[in-house]
N, C-alpha and C. Protein backbone atom coordinates (compact mmCIF):
# COMPACT_ATOMS: atom_id res chain seq x y z
N UNK A 1 -13.33 -12.93 10.45
CA UNK A 1 -13.03 -12.79 8.44
C UNK A 1 -12.89 -13.87 7.85
N UNK A 2 -13.93 -14.30 7.12
CA UNK A 2 -13.74 -15.89 6.43
C UNK A 2 -12.41 -15.97 6.00
N UNK A 3 -12.06 -17.37 5.60
CA UNK A 3 -10.82 -17.34 5.10
C UNK A 3 -10.32 -16.74 3.48
N UNK A 4 -11.96 -17.28 2.81
CA UNK A 4 -12.13 -16.78 1.48
C UNK A 4 -11.93 -15.41 1.23
N UNK A 5 -12.04 -14.40 2.18
CA UNK A 5 -11.95 -12.74 2.30
C UNK A 5 -10.54 -12.21 2.06
N UNK A 6 -10.19 -13.29 3.01
CA UNK A 6 -8.22 -13.02 3.53
C UNK A 6 -7.58 -13.16 1.87
N UNK A 7 -6.82 -11.90 1.90
CA UNK A 7 -5.90 -11.88 1.09
C UNK A 7 -4.51 -12.16 1.49
N UNK A 8 -3.51 -13.07 0.51
CA UNK A 8 -2.28 -13.04 1.72
C UNK A 8 -1.41 -12.01 1.32
N UNK A 9 -0.94 -11.47 2.82
CA UNK A 9 0.03 -10.71 3.17
C UNK A 9 1.57 -11.10 3.58
N UNK A 10 2.23 -10.91 3.24
CA UNK A 10 4.07 -11.04 4.06
C UNK A 10 3.83 -11.04 5.23
N UNK A 11 4.14 -11.86 5.91
CA UNK A 11 4.52 -11.63 7.58
C UNK A 11 5.99 -10.65 7.30
N UNK A 12 6.00 -9.85 8.81
CA UNK A 12 6.86 -8.78 8.41
C UNK A 12 8.28 -9.43 8.14
N UNK A 13 9.04 -10.68 8.80
CA UNK A 13 10.01 -10.96 8.36
C UNK A 13 10.26 -11.37 6.95
N UNK A 14 9.29 -11.11 6.18
CA UNK A 14 9.26 -11.86 4.70
C UNK A 14 9.21 -10.80 4.03
N UNK A 15 9.44 -9.41 4.29
CA UNK A 15 9.04 -8.25 3.62
C UNK A 15 10.67 -7.74 2.74
N UNK A 16 11.04 -8.06 1.41
CA UNK A 16 11.94 -7.55 1.14
C UNK A 16 12.42 -6.08 0.77
N UNK A 17 13.46 -5.80 0.50
CA UNK A 17 13.72 -3.92 0.66
C UNK A 17 13.83 -4.05 -0.95
N UNK A 18 13.67 -4.99 -1.69
CA UNK A 18 13.75 -4.50 -3.21
C UNK A 18 12.78 -4.63 -3.92
N UNK A 19 11.58 -5.50 -2.90
CA UNK A 19 10.30 -5.98 -3.47
C UNK A 19 9.62 -3.98 -3.27
N UNK A 20 9.64 -3.76 -1.96
CA UNK A 20 9.41 -2.45 -1.52
C UNK A 20 9.79 -1.50 -2.61
N UNK A 21 11.17 -1.49 -2.42
CA UNK A 21 11.46 -0.59 -3.43
C UNK A 21 10.94 -0.35 -4.98
N UNK A 22 10.61 -1.84 -5.32
CA UNK A 22 9.83 -1.56 -6.74
C UNK A 22 8.66 -1.29 -6.61
N UNK A 23 7.74 -1.50 -5.73
CA UNK A 23 6.40 -1.03 -5.63
C UNK A 23 6.61 0.39 -5.14
N UNK A 24 7.02 0.86 -4.61
CA UNK A 24 7.10 2.00 -4.33
C UNK A 24 7.66 3.20 -5.78
N UNK A 25 8.57 2.65 -6.47
CA UNK A 25 8.72 3.38 -7.62
C UNK A 25 7.68 3.98 -8.51
N UNK A 26 6.58 3.10 -8.30
CA UNK A 26 5.45 3.56 -9.58
C UNK A 26 4.86 5.28 -8.80
N UNK A 27 4.59 5.77 -9.63
CA UNK A 27 4.19 7.31 -9.13
C UNK A 27 2.71 6.94 -8.82
N UNK A 28 1.64 6.03 -9.00
CA UNK A 28 0.65 6.08 -8.27
C UNK A 28 0.46 5.53 -7.04
N UNK A 29 1.29 4.33 -7.35
CA UNK A 29 1.30 3.70 -6.02
C UNK A 29 1.95 4.41 -4.58
N UNK A 30 3.29 5.56 -4.93
CA UNK A 30 3.30 6.17 -4.17
C UNK A 30 2.33 7.06 -3.97
N UNK A 31 1.49 7.63 -4.86
CA UNK A 31 0.45 8.35 -4.15
C UNK A 31 -0.29 8.29 -3.35
N UNK A 32 -0.30 6.62 -3.48
CA UNK A 32 -1.25 5.92 -3.10
C UNK A 32 -0.94 5.39 -1.07
N UNK A 33 0.43 5.74 -1.14
CA UNK A 33 0.95 5.34 0.00
C UNK A 33 1.34 6.57 0.71
N UNK A 34 1.04 8.48 0.08
CA UNK A 34 1.13 9.04 0.49
C UNK A 34 -0.50 9.24 1.12
N UNK A 35 -1.13 8.77 0.73
CA UNK A 35 -2.47 8.92 0.97
C UNK A 35 -2.99 8.49 2.28
N UNK A 36 -2.43 7.13 2.25
CA UNK A 36 -2.60 6.35 3.41
C UNK A 36 -1.21 6.74 5.05
N UNK A 37 -0.49 7.52 4.29
CA UNK A 37 0.61 7.88 5.48
C UNK A 37 -0.50 8.92 6.72
N UNK A 38 -1.67 9.32 6.01
CA UNK A 38 -2.98 9.93 7.27
C UNK A 38 -3.65 9.17 7.73
N UNK A 39 -3.80 7.65 7.53
CA UNK A 39 -4.60 6.49 8.13
C UNK A 39 -4.93 5.67 6.96
N UNK A 40 -5.98 4.82 7.76
CA UNK A 40 -6.45 4.06 6.72
C UNK A 40 -7.60 4.50 5.93
N UNK A 41 -7.86 4.41 4.71
CA UNK A 41 -9.02 4.45 3.92
C UNK A 41 -10.04 3.15 3.09
N UNK A 42 -10.65 3.55 2.73
CA UNK A 42 -11.38 2.26 1.98
C UNK A 42 -11.07 2.53 0.46
N UNK A 43 -10.84 1.71 0.08
CA UNK A 43 -9.85 1.52 -1.38
C UNK A 43 -11.05 2.24 -2.13
N UNK A 44 -12.15 2.39 -2.59
CA UNK A 44 -13.06 3.50 -3.07
C UNK A 44 -12.74 4.96 -2.95
N UNK A 45 -12.41 5.05 -1.57
CA UNK A 45 -12.12 6.31 -1.44
C UNK A 45 -10.56 7.24 -1.70
N UNK A 46 -9.84 6.35 -2.20
CA UNK A 46 -8.58 6.47 -2.85
C UNK A 46 -8.50 6.50 -3.95
N UNK A 47 -7.81 8.25 -4.32
CA UNK A 47 -7.90 8.74 -5.77
C UNK A 47 -6.60 8.73 -6.10
N UNK A 48 -6.28 8.08 -7.44
CA UNK A 48 -5.31 7.90 -8.13
C UNK A 48 -5.46 7.84 -9.25
N UNK A 49 -6.39 8.82 -10.00
CA UNK A 49 -6.56 9.73 -11.21
C UNK A 49 -8.00 9.30 -11.37
N UNK A 50 -8.73 10.01 -12.26
CA UNK A 50 -10.25 10.19 -12.46
C UNK A 50 -9.49 8.80 -13.76
N UNK A 51 -8.85 9.24 -14.56
CA UNK A 51 -9.27 8.39 -15.74
C UNK A 51 -8.58 6.98 -15.49
N UNK A 52 -8.10 6.56 -13.71
CA UNK A 52 -7.71 5.20 -13.78
C UNK A 52 -8.85 4.21 -13.98
N UNK A 53 -8.59 3.43 -14.64
CA UNK A 53 -9.43 1.99 -14.75
C UNK A 53 -9.27 1.40 -13.59
N UNK A 54 -10.70 0.85 -13.29
CA UNK A 54 -10.12 0.10 -11.63
C UNK A 54 -9.84 -0.92 -11.72
N UNK A 55 -9.41 -2.00 -13.00
CA UNK A 55 -8.56 -3.10 -12.91
C UNK A 55 -7.30 -2.87 -12.98
N UNK A 56 -6.82 -1.33 -12.97
CA UNK A 56 -5.55 -0.81 -13.37
C UNK A 56 -5.61 -0.45 -11.47
N UNK A 57 -6.22 0.10 -11.04
CA UNK A 57 -6.58 0.55 -9.34
C UNK A 57 -6.25 -0.85 -8.80
N UNK A 58 -6.73 -1.56 -9.20
CA UNK A 58 -6.74 -2.86 -8.14
C UNK A 58 -5.33 -3.85 -8.74
N UNK A 59 -4.38 -3.52 -9.49
CA UNK A 59 -3.42 -4.22 -9.48
C UNK A 59 -2.54 -3.19 -8.39
N UNK A 60 -2.24 -1.73 -8.84
CA UNK A 60 -1.40 -1.32 -8.01
C UNK A 60 -1.58 -1.76 -6.23
N UNK A 61 -2.81 -1.70 -6.18
CA UNK A 61 -3.00 -2.21 -4.86
C UNK A 61 -2.33 -3.65 -4.69
N UNK A 62 -2.57 -4.57 -5.18
CA UNK A 62 -2.03 -5.63 -5.35
C UNK A 62 -0.68 -5.70 -5.21
N UNK A 63 0.19 -5.24 -6.05
CA UNK A 63 1.38 -4.80 -6.08
C UNK A 63 1.73 -4.35 -4.75
N UNK A 64 1.09 -3.51 -4.10
CA UNK A 64 1.46 -2.82 -3.01
C UNK A 64 1.76 -3.64 -1.61
N UNK A 65 -0.06 -4.60 -1.81
CA UNK A 65 0.10 -5.52 -0.87
C UNK A 65 1.03 -6.56 -0.56
N UNK A 66 1.42 -7.39 -1.86
CA UNK A 66 1.99 -8.23 -1.84
C UNK A 66 3.35 -7.92 -1.57
N UNK A 67 3.86 -6.89 -1.69
CA UNK A 67 5.11 -6.14 -1.09
C UNK A 67 5.29 -6.19 0.42
N UNK A 68 4.05 -6.17 0.97
CA UNK A 68 4.11 -5.92 2.51
C UNK A 68 4.27 -4.32 2.63
N UNK A 69 3.82 -3.42 1.87
CA UNK A 69 3.75 -2.18 2.02
C UNK A 69 2.33 -1.58 2.94
N UNK A 70 1.35 -2.41 2.45
CA UNK A 70 -0.07 -2.11 3.12
C UNK A 70 -0.66 -3.19 3.09
N UNK A 71 -2.01 -2.93 3.96
CA UNK A 71 -2.76 -4.47 4.44
C UNK A 71 -4.10 -4.12 3.33
N UNK A 72 -4.55 -5.32 3.02
CA UNK A 72 -5.78 -5.09 2.77
C UNK A 72 -6.89 -5.90 3.47
N UNK A 73 -7.76 -5.35 3.81
CA UNK A 73 -8.90 -6.03 4.93
C UNK A 73 -10.23 -6.05 4.24
N UNK A 74 -11.07 -7.06 4.34
CA UNK A 74 -12.15 -6.84 4.09
C UNK A 74 -12.96 -5.64 5.09
N UNK A 75 -13.84 -4.90 4.42
CA UNK A 75 -14.64 -3.73 5.61
C UNK A 75 -15.92 -3.68 4.97
N UNK A 76 -17.13 -4.57 5.71
CA UNK A 76 -18.23 -4.41 4.77
C UNK A 76 -18.49 -4.98 3.46
N UNK A 77 -18.71 -4.27 2.67
CA UNK A 77 -18.31 -4.50 1.22
C UNK A 77 -17.60 -3.83 0.32
N UNK A 78 -16.44 -3.12 1.24
CA UNK A 78 -15.30 -2.72 0.44
C UNK A 78 -13.87 -3.24 1.02
N UNK A 79 -12.80 -3.00 0.89
CA UNK A 79 -11.86 -3.19 1.08
C UNK A 79 -11.19 -2.09 2.11
N UNK A 80 -10.48 -1.91 2.52
CA UNK A 80 -9.58 -1.36 3.91
C UNK A 80 -8.65 -1.31 3.67
N UNK A 81 -7.98 -0.51 3.29
CA UNK A 81 -6.48 -0.30 3.24
C UNK A 81 -5.59 0.44 4.28
N UNK A 82 -4.65 0.01 4.55
CA UNK A 82 -3.30 0.56 5.75
C UNK A 82 -2.34 0.44 5.42
N UNK A 83 -1.15 1.93 5.71
CA UNK A 83 -0.05 1.30 5.72
C UNK A 83 0.48 0.53 6.66
N UNK A 84 1.54 -0.35 6.60
CA UNK A 84 1.87 -1.28 7.36
C UNK A 84 3.51 -0.42 7.80
N UNK A 85 2.95 0.62 8.68
CA UNK A 85 4.39 1.47 8.77
C UNK A 85 5.22 0.82 9.74
N UNK A 86 3.97 0.22 10.65
CA UNK A 86 4.69 -0.32 11.98
C UNK A 86 6.01 -1.48 11.82
N UNK A 87 5.43 -2.29 10.43
CA UNK A 87 6.47 -3.51 9.91
C UNK A 87 7.54 -3.02 9.35
N UNK A 88 7.22 -1.87 8.27
CA UNK A 88 8.21 -1.24 7.47
C UNK A 88 9.42 -0.54 8.61
N UNK A 89 8.96 -0.01 9.43
CA UNK A 89 9.71 0.86 10.06
C UNK A 89 10.64 -0.11 10.59
N UNK A 90 10.41 -0.94 11.18
CA UNK A 90 11.13 -2.19 12.25
C UNK A 90 11.71 -3.17 10.92
N UNK A 91 11.55 -3.39 10.10
CA UNK A 91 12.42 -3.73 8.74
C UNK A 91 13.44 -2.91 8.05
N UNK A 92 13.10 -1.78 8.26
CA UNK A 92 14.07 -1.30 7.16
C UNK A 92 13.73 0.67 7.73
N UNK A 93 14.03 0.72 9.03
CA UNK A 93 14.41 2.03 9.90
C UNK A 93 14.40 2.98 9.10
N UNK A 94 13.63 4.52 8.86
CA UNK A 94 13.83 5.83 8.54
C UNK A 94 13.01 5.44 6.87
N UNK A 95 13.00 4.41 6.11
CA UNK A 95 12.60 4.01 4.97
C UNK A 95 11.84 5.05 4.37
N UNK A 96 10.93 4.54 5.11
CA UNK A 96 9.20 5.29 5.01
C UNK A 96 9.38 6.71 5.10
N UNK A 97 10.08 7.35 6.06
CA UNK A 97 10.29 8.53 6.34
C UNK A 97 10.81 9.33 5.16
N UNK A 98 11.92 8.74 4.57
CA UNK A 98 12.74 9.46 3.59
C UNK A 98 11.82 9.30 2.27
N UNK A 99 11.03 8.04 1.92
CA UNK A 99 9.81 8.18 0.93
C UNK A 99 8.96 9.28 0.94
N UNK A 100 8.46 9.26 2.52
CA UNK A 100 7.34 10.34 2.10
C UNK A 100 7.82 11.89 2.21
N UNK A 101 8.88 11.99 2.45
CA UNK A 101 9.11 13.38 2.36
C UNK A 101 10.18 13.72 1.12
N UNK A 102 9.90 12.58 0.37
CA UNK A 102 10.78 13.16 -0.90
C UNK A 102 9.82 14.34 -1.81
N UNK A 103 10.35 14.38 -2.59
CA UNK A 103 9.68 15.63 -3.72
C UNK A 103 7.97 14.83 -4.05
N UNK A 104 7.58 16.18 -3.91
CA UNK A 104 6.11 15.43 -4.24
C UNK A 104 5.44 16.49 -5.50
N UNK A 105 6.35 16.64 -6.29
CA UNK A 105 6.25 17.20 -7.64
C UNK A 105 5.99 16.35 -9.10
N UNK A 106 6.44 15.22 -8.39
CA UNK A 106 6.27 13.96 -9.81
C UNK A 106 5.18 13.75 -9.82
């Protein structure tokens, strides 16, 4: 992967709880995290609502990436999104499980 195609991601030790909680506080971002809990997805395959503009979807992904919740890597002509479960579990044990087990009716 070329340096130009890499997006900045925080190192594990730089992931902050308040930033992660903010990223997970949005319904659309939480829905994306729930989708990624089943495994990596290409960004085009993530469903965040049929009427969501591409720019808004990109912004939601950026917030999660910059918080350290997901990894976004170039994969062909697309971006592959992966939940950073090992990093989040190491930094905040049980947090992700609690969030994912929460009420899914929002």
